[in-house]
Amino acid sequence: MSRMMVLVVALSVLLLGVVGFGQAAASQTQTGTTPAASTTPEDSSATSTTTGSGSIWPMIIILVIFVAVFYFMLIRPQRKRQAQHNLLLKDLKRGDAVITAGGVYGEIDSVGDTTVVVTVEDGGKLKVAKSSIVDKRAK
């Protein structure tokens, strides 16, 4: 989750920088001045009207593109993995060979609503959370 937050912040900063740079460049080309040039009161009123009339569409388009990228690269794959994991947990039954999140290999002895009893190779039994089962393996 923290990687996703870093990615969101980085792309937000990038988006704000691109939009800010685009607006500054657009105002310079419309007025024909550079930022370092001195302006008279008459020029400043003309500058403020031209920067206020800038289009918001480029920013909206960039924002839509970022949302689409986030959806197809982060949200959609995670939902797909979660659906597969839920299906795996629903189909657990006695005798299935499984692997837990802790790396324990074993065979299911009994299945409860939220817990599973796993028998390991030496005959020991472990009671683990059902959600900690990460994979079924072939016997």
Protein backbone atom coordinates (compact mmCIF):
# COMPACT_ATOMS: atom_id res chain seq x y z
CA MET A 1 0.00 0.00 0.00
CA SER A 2 2.85 2.41 0.75
CA ARG A 3 4.32 1.97 -2.74
CA MET A 4 0.98 2.93 -4.23
CA MET A 5 0.82 6.07 -2.08
CA VAL A 6 4.34 7.07 -3.17
CA LEU A 7 3.33 6.54 -6.79
CA VAL A 8 0.18 8.63 -6.34
CA VAL A 9 2.12 11.49 -4.74
CA ALA A 10 4.85 11.37 -7.39
CA LEU A 11 2.35 11.43 -10.25
CA SER A 12 0.38 14.23 -8.58
CA VAL A 13 3.51 16.35 -8.27
CA LEU A 14 4.37 15.57 -11.88
CA LEU A 15 0.85 16.49 -13.00
CA LEU A 16 0.91 19.79 -11.11
CA GLY A 17 4.35 20.60 -12.52
CA VAL A 18 3.29 19.84 -16.11
CA VAL A 19 0.09 21.83 -15.80
CA GLY A 20 1.85 24.75 -14.12
CA PHE A 21 4.58 24.75 -16.75
CA GLY A 22 1.99 24.57 -19.52
CA GLN A 23 0.03 27.50 -18.14
CA ALA A 24 3.17 29.61 -17.71
CA ALA A 25 4.31 28.82 -21.25
CA ALA A 26 0.87 29.60 -22.65
CA SER A 27 0.71 32.97 -20.91
CA GLN A 28 4.18 33.85 -22.18
CA THR A 29 3.29 33.00 -25.77
CA GLN A 30 0.00 34.90 -25.60
CA THR A 31 1.55 38.08 -24.21
CA GLY A 32 4.91 37.75 -25.94
CA THR A 33 6.83 38.58 -22.76
CA THR A 34 9.25 36.71 -20.60
CA PRO A 35 8.80 36.32 -16.84
CA ALA A 36 11.80 38.59 -16.15
CA ALA A 37 10.47 41.44 -18.28
CA SER A 38 9.08 44.40 -16.40
CA THR A 39 5.48 45.26 -17.00
CA THR A 40 3.54 48.47 -16.75
CA PRO A 41 0.12 48.60 -15.10
CA GLU A 42 -1.48 48.48 -18.54
CA ASP A 43 0.45 45.30 -19.43
CA SER A 44 -0.41 43.59 -16.16
CA SER A 45 -4.14 43.95 -16.77
CA ALA A 46 -3.75 42.40 -20.22
CA THR A 47 -1.69 39.54 -18.75
CA SER A 48 -4.24 38.77 -16.06
CA THR A 49 -7.06 38.55 -18.59
CA THR A 50 -5.14 36.22 -20.88
CA THR A 51 -4.04 33.85 -18.11
CA GLY A 52 -7.58 33.73 -16.75
CA SER A 53 -8.93 32.64 -20.12
CA GLY A 54 -6.65 29.56 -20.31
CA SER A 55 -8.36 26.28 -21.02
CA ILE A 56 -8.80 23.66 -18.31
CA TRP A 57 -9.22 20.84 -20.83
CA PRO A 58 -5.54 19.80 -20.97
CA MET A 59 -5.52 19.37 -17.19
CA ILE A 60 -8.74 17.33 -17.29
CA ILE A 61 -7.36 15.12 -20.06
CA ILE A 62 -4.12 14.49 -18.15
CA LEU A 63 -6.10 13.70 -14.99
CA VAL A 64 -8.30 11.21 -16.89
CA ILE A 65 -5.20 9.55 -18.32
CA PHE A 66 -3.68 9.18 -14.84
CA VAL A 67 -6.91 7.71 -13.47
CA ALA A 68 -7.04 5.21 -16.34
CA VAL A 69 -3.41 4.21 -15.77
CA PHE A 70 -4.03 3.72 -12.04
CA TYR A 71 -7.13 1.65 -12.73
CA PHE A 72 -5.58 -0.67 -15.30
CA MET A 73 -2.19 -1.03 -13.59
CA LEU A 74 -3.11 -1.11 -9.89
CA ILE A 75 -6.79 -1.43 -9.04
CA ARG A 76 -7.99 -3.95 -11.64
CA PRO A 77 -5.17 -6.51 -11.14
CA GLN A 78 -5.57 -6.33 -7.35
CA ARG A 79 -9.31 -6.99 -7.61
CA LYS A 80 -8.61 -9.94 -9.90
CA ARG A 81 -6.10 -11.44 -7.45
CA GLN A 82 -8.52 -10.89 -4.57
CA ALA A 83 -11.33 -12.66 -6.45
CA GLN A 84 -9.03 -15.62 -7.19
CA HIS A 85 -7.96 -15.82 -3.53
CA ASN A 86 -11.59 -15.71 -2.34
CA LEU A 87 -12.44 -18.53 -4.76
CA LEU A 88 -9.46 -20.54 -3.44
CA LEU A 89 -10.60 -20.07 0.17
CA LYS A 90 -14.18 -21.00 -0.67
CA ASP A 91 -13.10 -24.25 -2.36
CA LEU A 92 -10.87 -25.52 0.49
CA LYS A 93 -11.75 -28.99 1.72
CA ARG A 94 -10.25 -31.77 3.84
CA GLY A 95 -7.26 -33.45 2.21
CA ASP A 96 -6.12 -30.47 0.09
CA ALA A 97 -2.37 -29.85 0.09
CA VAL A 98 -1.80 -26.16 0.83
CA ILE A 99 0.87 -23.54 1.51
CA THR A 100 0.35 -20.88 4.18
CA ALA A 101 1.55 -17.28 4.08
CA GLY A 102 4.29 -18.27 6.54
CA GLY A 103 5.62 -20.87 4.09
CA VAL A 104 4.26 -23.93 5.94
CA TYR A 105 3.40 -26.85 3.66
CA GLY A 106 0.69 -29.17 4.88
CA GLU A 107 -2.58 -30.97 4.31
CA ILE A 108 -5.95 -29.68 5.50
CA ASP A 109 -7.39 -31.70 8.36
CA SER A 110 -10.52 -29.61 8.98
CA VAL A 111 -12.04 -26.37 7.72
CA GLY A 112 -13.99 -23.90 9.87
CA ASP A 113 -15.58 -20.55 9.07
CA THR A 114 -12.43 -18.52 9.69
CA THR A 115 -9.80 -21.13 10.61
CA VAL A 116 -8.20 -24.21 9.09
CA VAL A 117 -6.36 -27.04 10.83
CA VAL A 118 -3.31 -28.01 8.79
CA THR A 119 -1.40 -31.27 9.35
CA VAL A 120 2.32 -30.94 8.59
CA GLU A 121 4.71 -33.75 7.56
CA ASP A 122 5.75 -34.87 11.03
CA GLY A 123 2.11 -35.27 12.07
CA GLY A 124 1.81 -32.00 13.98
CA LYS A 125 -1.32 -29.96 13.59
CA LEU A 126 -1.47 -26.19 13.19
CA LYS A 127 -4.59 -24.07 13.48
CA VAL A 128 -4.21 -21.12 11.11
CA ALA A 129 -6.43 -18.35 9.82
CA LYS A 130 -8.23 -19.34 6.65
CA SER A 131 -7.05 -16.16 4.93
CA SER A 132 -3.41 -17.19 5.48
CA ILE A 133 -3.75 -20.02 2.96
CA VAL A 134 -2.08 -18.64 -0.17
CA ASP A 135 -2.00 -21.60 -2.56
CA LYS A 136 -3.15 -25.13 -3.20
CA ARG A 137 -0.52 -27.47 -4.49
CA ALA A 138 -0.73 -30.75 -6.33
CA LYS A 139 -0.35 -33.82 -4.15
